[in-house]
Amino acid sequence: MHKLEPSMKTHTANTYDLIVESEDKNRTALETVIYVLFILSAVVSILQFLVQPIVVPSHTAGFVSAQTGTVTNYNI
């Protein structure tokens, strides 16, 4: 009779398998915290512009006021 030998399964790892197996959990948590901070900073900066008061110049901006000025002539 023929004796059965256990077959050796060779696993050829592709790039994706190597990346998944080498994934560091601490690094993943740190990246998540950093991404959340980036998003929060963007939201805060947008909110700063929304909260700022809008100053609209009056319709007389750039015109001389209605008050009359006195001009004095000096003779030299």
Protein backbone atom coordinates (compact mmCIF):
# COMPACT_ATOMS: atom_id res chain seq x y z
CA MET A 1 0.00 0.00 0.00
CA HIS A 2 0.92 3.57 -0.46
CA LYS A 3 1.73 5.49 2.68
CA LEU A 4 0.00 8.90 2.96
CA GLU A 5 2.34 11.73 3.76
CA PRO A 6 1.08 15.01 5.14
CA SER A 7 1.18 17.55 2.39
CA MET A 8 3.05 20.72 3.11
CA LYS A 9 1.06 23.75 2.17
CA THR A 10 3.25 26.54 1.04
CA HIS A 11 1.75 29.93 1.41
CA THR A 12 2.89 32.53 -1.04
CA ALA A 13 2.19 35.86 0.61
CA ASN A 14 1.30 38.75 -1.56
CA THR A 15 1.94 42.38 -0.64
CA TYR A 16 -1.48 42.93 0.91
CA ASP A 17 -1.07 39.92 3.22
CA LEU A 18 2.33 41.18 4.35
CA ILE A 19 0.94 44.64 5.11
CA VAL A 20 -2.02 43.28 7.07
CA GLU A 21 0.15 40.92 9.10
CA SER A 22 2.66 43.65 9.94
CA GLU A 23 0.03 46.17 11.00
CA ASP A 24 0.86 47.72 14.35
CA LYS A 25 -2.15 48.36 16.59
CA ASN A 26 -0.50 51.25 18.46
CA ARG A 27 0.33 52.97 15.19
CA THR A 28 -3.25 52.53 14.01
CA ALA A 29 -4.60 54.12 17.19
CA LEU A 30 -2.15 57.02 16.88
CA GLU A 31 -3.11 57.59 13.24
CA THR A 32 -6.78 57.63 14.23
CA VAL A 33 -6.13 60.26 16.90
CA ILE A 34 -4.14 62.39 14.46
CA TYR A 35 -6.86 62.19 11.78
CA VAL A 36 -9.51 63.20 14.33
CA LEU A 37 -7.37 66.18 15.40
CA PHE A 38 -6.98 67.29 11.77
CA ILE A 39 -10.73 67.12 11.22
CA LEU A 40 -11.46 68.99 14.45
CA SER A 41 -8.98 71.73 13.58
CA ALA A 42 -10.65 72.21 10.20
CA VAL A 43 -14.09 72.40 11.82
CA VAL A 44 -12.88 74.90 14.43
CA SER A 45 -11.30 77.13 11.79
CA ILE A 46 -14.53 77.12 9.76
CA LEU A 47 -16.55 77.96 12.87
CA GLN A 48 -14.23 80.90 13.62
CA PHE A 49 -15.14 82.45 10.28
CA LEU A 50 -18.85 81.79 10.86
CA VAL A 51 -18.84 83.45 14.28
CA GLN A 52 -16.86 86.54 13.23
CA PRO A 53 -19.01 89.65 12.89
CA ILE A 54 -19.34 91.00 9.39
CA VAL A 55 -18.52 94.69 9.17
CA VAL A 56 -20.26 96.30 6.22
CA PRO A 57 -18.99 99.76 5.37
CA SER A 58 -21.59 102.49 5.33
CA HIS A 59 -22.82 103.92 2.07
CA THR A 60 -20.93 107.16 2.73
CA ALA A 61 -17.56 105.51 3.07
CA GLY A 62 -14.92 107.34 1.14
CA PHE A 63 -16.89 110.60 0.87
CA VAL A 64 -16.06 113.80 2.66
CA SER A 65 -18.20 114.32 5.70
CA ALA A 66 -20.98 116.91 5.66
CA GLN A 67 -19.12 119.09 8.12
CA THR A 68 -17.44 122.04 6.55
CA GLY A 69 -13.84 122.70 7.37
CA THR A 70 -12.33 126.11 7.71
CA VAL A 71 -9.40 126.93 5.56
CA THR A 72 -7.05 129.66 6.60
CA ASN A 73 -4.75 131.35 4.17
CA TYR A 74 -1.27 132.11 5.34
CA ASN A 75 0.72 134.74 3.56
CA ILE A 76 4.39 134.28 3.69
